[in-house]
Amino acid sequence: MQAASCRAGRTLLISGPRQIGKSSLLARVYQHARDSKIRTVYLDFQLLGHEQLSSLDNLLIAIANQIYDDLSLNFCQLEQAPDSEPEPDALPEE
C-alpha cells in the first residue's frame, strides 16, 4: 500500500465492509504520504452538505475548493524562492 501512495497522480480507493479498518488504513497511508513530502488532498464526500450536492456545478466547486485549500500552502511556497523579496500587490486601476 505504501508504494501505491508514493506514486504521483494516483487516486486511492479503499472499499470493504463496515468495521474492518478502512479509515485506519487510509489514515496511515495519508500520513505516510505527508511524511514523504507528497502533496495530498483528502476528499470526504460524507462531509458535503445538501447545497454542495444539489447540482454538479456546486459539487465541482466544493471539490475544487477542497483541492485548493489542501494544496494552496504548497503553491505559495513554490511561487517564490525563500530568500527573494515579495512582489508588491498590484492593484487594479479604477
Protein backbone atom coordinates (compact mmCIF):
# COMPACT_ATOMS: atom_id res chain seq x y z
CA MET A 1 0.00 0.00 0.00
CA GLN A 2 2.87 2.39 0.76
CA ALA A 3 4.27 2.02 -2.75
CA ALA A 4 0.89 2.95 -4.21
CA SER A 5 0.72 6.11 -2.11
CA CYS A 6 4.17 7.28 -3.21
CA ARG A 7 3.48 7.44 -6.92
CA ALA A 8 2.48 10.86 -8.26
CA GLY A 9 -1.01 11.41 -9.58
CA ARG A 10 -2.64 8.39 -8.00
CA THR A 11 -6.15 8.03 -6.69
CA LEU A 12 -6.59 5.60 -3.87
CA LEU A 13 -9.95 3.92 -3.33
CA ILE A 14 -10.42 1.81 -0.24
CA SER A 15 -13.61 -0.22 -0.11
CA GLY A 16 -14.90 -3.02 2.03
CA PRO A 17 -17.48 -3.98 4.62
CA ARG A 18 -18.03 -1.92 7.75
CA GLN A 19 -15.71 -2.12 10.74
CA ILE A 20 -12.68 -3.75 9.09
CA GLY A 21 -10.21 -0.84 9.41
CA LYS A 22 -10.64 1.15 6.17
CA SER A 23 -10.42 4.50 7.96
CA SER A 24 -7.37 3.41 9.93
CA LEU A 25 -5.66 2.22 6.75
CA LEU A 26 -6.49 5.47 4.99
CA ALA A 27 -5.10 7.50 7.91
CA ARG A 28 -1.83 5.54 7.83
CA VAL A 29 -1.41 5.88 4.05
CA TYR A 30 -2.28 9.60 4.19
CA GLN A 31 0.26 10.21 6.97
CA HIS A 32 2.92 8.20 5.12
CA ALA A 33 2.41 10.33 2.01
CA ARG A 34 2.64 13.55 4.02
CA ASP A 35 5.77 12.30 5.83
CA SER A 36 7.25 11.57 2.39
CA LYS A 37 6.60 15.24 1.40
CA ILE A 38 3.97 14.21 -1.13
CA ARG A 39 1.28 16.83 -1.66
CA THR A 40 -2.00 15.25 -0.71
CA VAL A 41 -5.68 16.05 -0.96
CA TYR A 42 -8.23 14.37 1.26
CA LEU A 43 -11.79 14.41 -0.07
CA ASP A 44 -14.52 13.08 2.20
CA PHE A 45 -17.83 13.20 0.36
CA GLN A 46 -19.68 12.37 3.57
CA LEU A 47 -18.79 15.86 4.82
CA LEU A 48 -20.50 17.59 1.90
CA GLY A 49 -23.79 19.28 2.66
CA HIS A 50 -27.07 19.30 0.80
CA GLU A 51 -26.21 22.57 -1.02
CA GLN A 52 -22.91 21.17 -2.28
CA LEU A 53 -24.63 18.02 -3.54
CA SER A 54 -27.62 19.82 -5.08
CA SER A 55 -26.01 20.19 -8.51
CA LEU A 56 -22.98 19.10 -10.46
CA ASP A 57 -21.69 22.70 -10.54
CA ASN A 58 -21.92 23.01 -6.75
CA LEU A 59 -20.22 19.63 -6.29
CA LEU A 60 -17.34 20.54 -8.61
CA ILE A 61 -16.90 23.89 -6.89
CA ALA A 62 -16.77 22.16 -3.49
CA ILE A 63 -14.17 19.68 -4.76
CA ALA A 64 -12.09 22.45 -6.37
CA ASN A 65 -12.21 24.48 -3.15
CA GLN A 66 -11.05 21.50 -1.10
CA ILE A 67 -8.18 20.82 -3.50
CA TYR A 68 -7.17 24.48 -3.42
CA ASP A 69 -7.33 24.59 0.38
CA ASP A 70 -5.25 21.43 0.76
CA LEU A 71 -2.58 22.49 -1.76
CA SER A 72 -2.51 26.29 -1.52
CA LEU A 73 0.25 26.38 1.10
CA ASN A 74 2.46 24.31 -1.22
CA PHE A 75 1.62 26.58 -4.18
CA CYS A 76 2.63 29.66 -2.17
CA GLN A 77 5.92 28.02 -1.27
CA LEU A 78 6.62 27.20 -4.91
CA GLU A 79 5.74 30.66 -6.26
CA GLN A 80 8.66 32.41 -4.58
CA ALA A 81 12.18 31.48 -3.54
CA PRO A 82 12.69 31.73 0.25
CA ASP A 83 15.34 34.49 0.08
CA SER A 84 13.68 36.69 -2.57
CA GLU A 85 11.76 39.85 -1.76
CA PRO A 86 7.98 39.59 -2.09
CA GLU A 87 6.46 41.41 -5.02
CA PRO A 88 4.12 44.27 -4.12
CA ASP A 89 0.45 43.57 -4.66
CA ALA A 90 -0.76 45.00 -7.94
CA LEU A 91 -3.97 46.95 -7.51
CA PRO A 92 -6.35 47.17 -10.46
CA GLU A 93 -6.76 50.60 -11.98
CA GLU A 94 -10.13 52.21 -11.43
